[in-house]
Protein backbone atom coordinates (compact mmCIF):
# COMPACT_ATOMS: atom_id res chain seq x y z
CA UNK A 1 30.78 9.77 60.78
CA UNK A 2 29.80 6.42 59.33
CA UNK A 3 31.65 5.01 56.36
CA UNK A 4 30.26 2.78 53.67
CA UNK A 5 33.59 0.98 53.18
CA UNK A 6 34.89 -1.67 55.62
CA UNK A 7 37.77 -0.73 58.00
CA UNK A 8 41.25 -1.23 56.57
CA UNK A 9 43.32 -4.15 57.82
CA UNK A 10 46.62 -3.03 59.38
CA UNK A 11 49.68 -3.50 57.15
CA UNK A 12 51.29 -6.91 57.40
CA UNK A 13 48.11 -8.56 58.68
CA UNK A 14 47.16 -11.43 56.41
CA UNK A 15 43.57 -11.68 55.22
CA UNK A 16 41.80 -14.71 56.51
CA UNK A 17 41.32 -17.46 53.91
CA UNK A 18 37.80 -17.48 52.47
CA UNK A 19 35.70 -20.53 53.25
CA UNK A 20 35.57 -23.16 50.52
CA UNK A 21 32.86 -22.40 47.89
CA UNK A 22 29.96 -24.69 47.54
CA UNK A 23 28.15 -25.29 44.17
CA UNK A 24 24.82 -23.64 44.46
CA UNK A 25 21.61 -24.46 42.66
CA UNK A 26 21.40 -20.81 41.51
CA UNK A 27 24.59 -21.14 39.47
CA UNK A 28 23.24 -24.21 37.66
CA UNK A 29 19.98 -22.39 36.97
CA UNK A 30 21.91 -19.42 35.59
CA UNK A 31 23.79 -21.57 33.11
CA UNK A 32 20.60 -23.30 31.98
CA UNK A 33 18.94 -19.91 31.54
CA UNK A 34 21.88 -18.62 29.48
CA UNK A 35 21.70 -21.64 27.16
CA UNK A 36 17.94 -21.20 26.77
CA UNK A 37 18.41 -17.52 25.97
CA UNK A 38 20.93 -18.29 23.22
CA UNK A 39 18.58 -20.87 21.70
CA UNK A 40 15.67 -18.43 21.83
CA UNK A 41 17.68 -15.72 20.09
CA UNK A 42 18.63 -18.15 17.35
CA UNK A 43 15.02 -19.22 16.87
CA UNK A 44 13.99 -15.56 16.72
CA UNK A 45 16.50 -14.88 13.96
CA UNK A 46 15.15 -17.82 11.93
CA UNK A 47 11.59 -16.59 12.43
CA UNK A 48 12.57 -13.08 11.28
CA UNK A 49 14.04 -14.44 8.05
CA UNK A 50 10.92 -16.50 7.40
CA UNK A 51 8.67 -13.53 8.12
CA UNK A 52 10.55 -11.32 5.67
CA UNK A 53 10.23 -13.89 2.92
CA UNK A 54 6.55 -14.64 3.69
CA UNK A 55 5.10 -11.45 5.22
CA UNK A 56 1.72 -11.75 6.91
CA UNK A 57 -0.75 -9.04 7.78
CA UNK A 58 -0.46 -7.85 11.37
CA UNK A 59 -2.62 -9.57 13.96
CA UNK A 60 -5.46 -7.18 14.79
CA UNK A 61 -5.18 -5.67 18.25
CA UNK A 62 -8.91 -5.78 18.89
CA UNK A 63 -11.94 -7.91 18.08
CA UNK A 64 -12.90 -5.81 15.06
CA UNK A 65 -10.03 -6.99 12.81
CA UNK A 66 -8.68 -4.73 10.07
CA UNK A 67 -10.04 -1.21 9.62
CA UNK A 68 -13.08 -0.97 7.34
CA UNK A 69 -12.31 -0.43 3.67
CA UNK A 70 -13.86 2.81 2.48
CA UNK A 71 -13.84 4.47 -0.93
CA UNK A 72 -13.88 8.27 -0.82
CA UNK A 73 -15.88 9.48 -3.86
CA UNK A 74 -13.69 11.47 -6.24
CA UNK A 75 -15.49 13.75 -8.69
CA UNK A 76 -12.71 13.78 -11.25
CA UNK A 77 -13.43 15.51 -14.55
CA UNK A 78 -13.75 13.12 -17.47
CA UNK A 79 -10.33 12.56 -19.04
CA UNK A 80 -8.52 14.74 -16.51
CA UNK A 81 -6.47 12.17 -14.59
CA UNK A 82 -5.81 8.52 -13.90
CA UNK A 83 -6.11 6.84 -10.49
CA UNK A 84 -3.14 7.15 -8.14
CA UNK A 85 -0.37 4.56 -8.09
CA UNK A 86 -0.68 1.09 -6.59
CA UNK A 87 1.96 -1.37 -5.47
CA UNK A 88 3.05 -3.47 -8.45
CA UNK A 89 2.14 -7.14 -8.34
CA UNK A 90 5.38 -8.87 -7.28
CA UNK A 91 6.65 -11.81 -9.29
CA UNK A 92 6.17 -15.14 -7.52
CA UNK A 93 9.94 -15.66 -7.25
CA UNK A 94 10.64 -12.38 -5.43
CA UNK A 95 13.06 -13.15 -2.59
CA UNK A 96 13.38 -11.81 0.95
CA UNK A 97 13.40 -9.17 2.21
CA UNK A 98 11.05 -7.95 -0.53
CA UNK A 99 7.40 -8.97 -0.43
CA UNK A 100 6.60 -12.09 -2.42
CA UNK A 101 3.49 -12.80 -4.47
CA UNK A 102 1.56 -14.70 -1.80
CA UNK A 103 2.50 -12.16 0.85
CA UNK A 104 1.21 -9.36 -1.37
CA UNK A 105 -2.08 -11.22 -1.98
CA UNK A 106 -2.59 -11.87 1.72
CA UNK A 107 -1.83 -8.30 2.74
CA UNK A 108 -3.95 -6.52 0.11
CA UNK A 109 -6.87 -8.87 0.71
CA UNK A 110 -6.65 -8.24 4.45
CA UNK A 111 -6.89 -4.48 4.11
CA UNK A 112 -9.36 -4.29 1.20
CA UNK A 113 -12.74 -5.78 0.34
CA UNK A 114 -11.41 -8.00 -2.47
CA UNK A 115 -11.59 -11.76 -1.79
CA UNK A 116 -8.18 -13.37 -2.20
CA UNK A 117 -9.29 -15.68 -5.03
CA UNK A 118 -10.65 -12.69 -6.97
CA UNK A 119 -7.56 -10.58 -6.30
CA UNK A 120 -5.50 -13.48 -7.64
CA UNK A 121 -7.35 -13.21 -10.96
CA UNK A 122 -6.82 -9.45 -11.19
CA UNK A 123 -3.14 -9.86 -10.32
CA UNK A 124 -2.58 -12.59 -12.92
CA UNK A 125 -4.25 -10.49 -15.60
CA UNK A 126 -2.01 -7.57 -14.64
CA UNK A 127 1.13 -9.74 -14.90
CA UNK A 128 -0.04 -11.32 -18.15
CA UNK A 129 -0.53 -7.96 -19.85
CA UNK A 130 2.76 -6.63 -18.52
CA UNK A 131 4.26 -9.42 -20.63
CA UNK A 132 1.84 -9.39 -23.59
CA UNK A 133 1.29 -5.68 -23.97
CA UNK A 134 3.47 -3.67 -21.58
CA UNK A 135 2.62 -0.42 -23.40
CA UNK A 136 -1.00 -0.75 -22.21
CA UNK A 137 -0.23 -0.24 -18.48
CA UNK A 138 -3.45 -1.90 -17.32
CA UNK A 139 -3.26 -2.48 -13.56
CA UNK A 140 -4.82 -4.82 -11.05
CA UNK A 141 -6.22 -1.76 -9.24
CA UNK A 142 -8.17 -0.62 -12.31
CA UNK A 143 -9.48 -4.16 -12.84
CA UNK A 144 -10.50 -4.24 -9.18
CA UNK A 145 -12.18 -0.86 -9.61
CA UNK A 146 -14.26 -2.28 -12.44
CA UNK A 147 -15.01 -5.51 -10.60
CA UNK A 148 -16.29 -3.66 -7.56
CA UNK A 149 -18.76 -1.65 -9.63
CA UNK A 150 -19.87 -4.51 -11.83
CA UNK A 151 -20.47 -7.32 -9.33
CA UNK A 152 -18.90 -6.54 -5.94
CA UNK A 153 -16.05 -8.83 -6.99
CA UNK A 154 -18.25 -11.72 -8.00
CA UNK A 155 -20.62 -11.45 -5.03
CA UNK A 156 -23.65 -9.93 -6.75
CA UNK A 157 -26.94 -11.50 -5.66
CA UNK A 158 -25.30 -13.65 -3.00
CA UNK A 159 -22.92 -15.41 -5.40
CA UNK A 160 -19.26 -16.03 -4.60
CA UNK A 161 -16.15 -17.05 -6.48
CA UNK A 162 -15.08 -20.61 -5.70
CA UNK A 163 -11.54 -21.96 -5.47
CA UNK A 164 -11.60 -23.03 -9.14
CA UNK A 165 -12.51 -19.48 -10.20
CA UNK A 166 -16.11 -20.33 -11.09
CA UNK A 167 -19.07 -18.45 -9.68
CA UNK A 168 -21.09 -20.42 -7.15
CA UNK A 169 -24.08 -19.50 -9.30
CA UNK A 170 -24.19 -17.57 -12.57
CA UNK A 171 -24.29 -13.78 -12.38
CA UNK A 172 -26.73 -12.49 -15.00
CA UNK A 173 -27.64 -8.82 -15.14
CA UNK A 174 -31.01 -7.28 -15.96
CA UNK A 175 -32.46 -7.59 -19.45
CA UNK A 176 -31.12 -4.97 -21.85
CA UNK A 177 -34.65 -4.26 -23.03
CA UNK A 178 -34.61 -0.47 -23.25
CA UNK A 179 -36.07 0.10 -19.79
CA UNK A 180 -35.02 3.36 -18.08
CA UNK A 181 -31.28 3.26 -17.55
CA UNK A 182 -30.69 0.34 -19.93
CA UNK A 183 -29.90 0.04 -23.61
CA UNK A 184 -32.14 -2.01 -25.86
CA UNK A 185 -30.02 -4.95 -27.08
CA UNK A 186 -31.98 -7.75 -28.76
CA UNK A 187 -30.65 -11.27 -28.24
CA UNK A 188 -27.36 -11.97 -30.06
CA UNK A 189 -26.47 -15.51 -28.93
CA UNK A 190 -29.80 -17.40 -28.80
CA UNK A 191 -29.64 -17.29 -25.02
CA UNK A 192 -26.43 -19.34 -24.80
CA UNK A 193 -24.79 -17.15 -22.15
CA UNK A 194 -27.74 -15.45 -20.45
CA UNK A 195 -30.64 -17.86 -20.97
CA UNK A 196 -32.77 -15.23 -22.71
CA UNK A 197 -33.63 -15.60 -26.40
CA UNK A 198 -35.34 -12.19 -26.57
CA UNK A 199 -32.93 -9.75 -24.96
CA UNK A 200 -29.25 -9.79 -24.07
CA UNK A 201 -28.06 -9.55 -20.47
CA UNK A 202 -24.59 -8.69 -19.18
CA UNK A 203 -23.03 -11.83 -17.72
CA UNK A 204 -20.37 -12.85 -15.22
CA UNK A 205 -18.41 -11.00 -12.53
CA UNK A 206 -17.10 -8.42 -15.03
CA UNK A 207 -20.53 -8.06 -16.71
CA UNK A 208 -19.85 -8.50 -20.42
CA UNK A 209 -22.63 -8.31 -22.99
CA UNK A 210 -22.75 -11.59 -24.94
CA UNK A 211 -21.69 -9.99 -28.24
CA UNK A 212 -18.72 -8.31 -26.54
CA UNK A 213 -17.74 -11.56 -24.87
CA UNK A 214 -17.84 -13.48 -28.15
CA UNK A 215 -15.55 -10.86 -29.69
CA UNK A 216 -13.04 -10.43 -26.88
CA UNK A 217 -13.37 -13.40 -24.52
CA UNK A 218 -10.16 -15.30 -23.69
CA UNK A 219 -9.48 -18.47 -21.73
CA UNK A 220 -6.95 -17.61 -19.02
CA UNK A 221 -5.85 -21.20 -18.39
CA UNK A 222 -5.19 -21.99 -22.08
CA UNK A 223 -6.67 -25.47 -21.52
CA UNK A 224 -8.51 -25.53 -24.85
CA UNK A 225 -11.96 -24.90 -23.38
CA UNK A 226 -14.18 -22.03 -24.48
CA UNK A 227 -13.80 -18.78 -22.51
CA UNK A 228 -16.31 -18.67 -19.66
CA UNK A 229 -17.66 -15.28 -18.55
CA UNK A 230 -18.64 -16.85 -15.21
CA UNK A 231 -14.98 -17.71 -14.49
CA UNK A 232 -13.16 -14.88 -12.72
CA UNK A 233 -9.82 -15.72 -14.36
CA UNK A 234 -11.31 -15.57 -17.86
CA UNK A 235 -13.36 -12.49 -17.01
CA UNK A 236 -10.41 -10.53 -15.56
CA UNK A 237 -8.13 -11.49 -18.46
CA UNK A 238 -10.81 -10.48 -20.96
CA UNK A 239 -11.38 -7.17 -19.17
CA UNK A 240 -7.65 -6.42 -19.43
CA UNK A 241 -7.65 -7.31 -23.12
CA UNK A 242 -10.75 -5.23 -23.82
CA UNK A 243 -9.46 -2.16 -21.97
CA UNK A 244 -6.11 -2.29 -23.76
CA UNK A 245 -7.94 -2.51 -27.09
CA UNK A 246 -10.33 0.33 -26.25
CA UNK A 247 -7.82 2.68 -24.65
CA UNK A 248 -4.31 1.87 -25.73
CA UNK A 249 -1.85 3.33 -23.22
CA UNK A 250 -3.86 3.56 -20.00
CA UNK A 251 -1.22 5.70 -18.31
CA UNK A 252 -2.63 8.57 -20.42
CA UNK A 253 -5.72 10.08 -18.73
CA UNK A 254 -7.83 10.37 -21.89
CA UNK A 255 -7.05 6.77 -22.84
CA UNK A 256 -7.87 5.44 -19.36
CA UNK A 257 -11.25 7.13 -19.49
CA UNK A 258 -11.93 5.92 -23.05
CA UNK A 259 -11.28 2.35 -21.93
CA UNK A 260 -13.48 2.57 -18.82
CA UNK A 261 -16.31 4.34 -20.61
CA UNK A 262 -16.29 1.65 -23.29
CA UNK A 263 -17.83 -0.43 -20.52
CA UNK A 264 -20.48 2.15 -19.71
CA UNK A 265 -20.50 5.57 -21.34
CA UNK A 266 -21.35 7.54 -18.21
CA UNK A 267 -19.14 10.04 -16.41
CA UNK A 268 -20.63 8.99 -13.06
CA UNK A 269 -19.72 5.38 -13.85
CA UNK A 270 -16.17 6.40 -14.74
CA UNK A 271 -15.87 8.35 -11.49
CA UNK A 272 -16.99 5.29 -9.52
CA UNK A 273 -14.35 3.12 -11.18
CA UNK A 274 -11.75 5.87 -10.71
CA UNK A 275 -12.57 6.23 -7.00
CA UNK A 276 -12.39 2.48 -6.47
CA UNK A 277 -9.10 2.06 -8.32
CA UNK A 278 -7.55 5.00 -6.48
CA UNK A 279 -8.63 3.56 -3.11
CA UNK A 280 -7.19 0.13 -3.92
CA UNK A 281 -3.91 1.75 -4.89
CA UNK A 282 -3.78 3.74 -1.66
CA UNK A 283 -4.61 0.76 0.56
CA UNK A 284 -1.92 -1.30 -1.14
CA UNK A 285 0.58 1.45 -0.32
CA UNK A 286 -0.65 1.76 3.27
CA UNK A 287 -2.10 5.23 2.68
CA UNK A 288 -5.79 4.57 3.30
């Protein structure tokens, strides 16, 4: 029978002295590797802390990027419900490990169809009215729902929102001349906002009629200039103000619908805004 252990040395027989050890290159390499491993682990810990405080959207695994943003149509009865919840806009000073303001912007933009500069305007309007009128409960998701219907977030007709918040070219809707599907609204501002001295046109990314803009328009930057309907910051802030005035507490279904239908008194229109707002809420929560 073969044994896996070496034969025993008879008692009293000294073991031969081992040959002197020589320093081998492998031992030096092992020490260098151990030092490098410790340094790498330390760098990884620092990276993890930075990632938690400034979260980024995941790198897409394929060439297609993020999944397409889709809005399932919801045929909600008028006044029956409000859109589902959305992640609250975090304050800019939110610390790790919670998501900060810029991380939230980057993530929601990545997974939705809202350009980051436009989402910034919706988010700032949301935060402003949390402070000014917290009982209103207007949300960035509802503002985004409106903005998607009204101008594809400032992209109607090939326009885009620039870094300063201004449209690359003015967005001016069709003449409100009583044609099928449109109200008849004779000119109210001598063409100042829409360039038409005969009929009014809805203007800007949130599509305000000139008379409504003159009544409710606000300057988001408080720089002393007149409110500009072609500025996404002013338009989003004005939309929040208008909805709070028209609806009151928007966490109440009837009030939410009253506010939205003050824009356009059509159940189909309200359902479009509802569907959009609900989808933005879901995507912000990772549920869509």
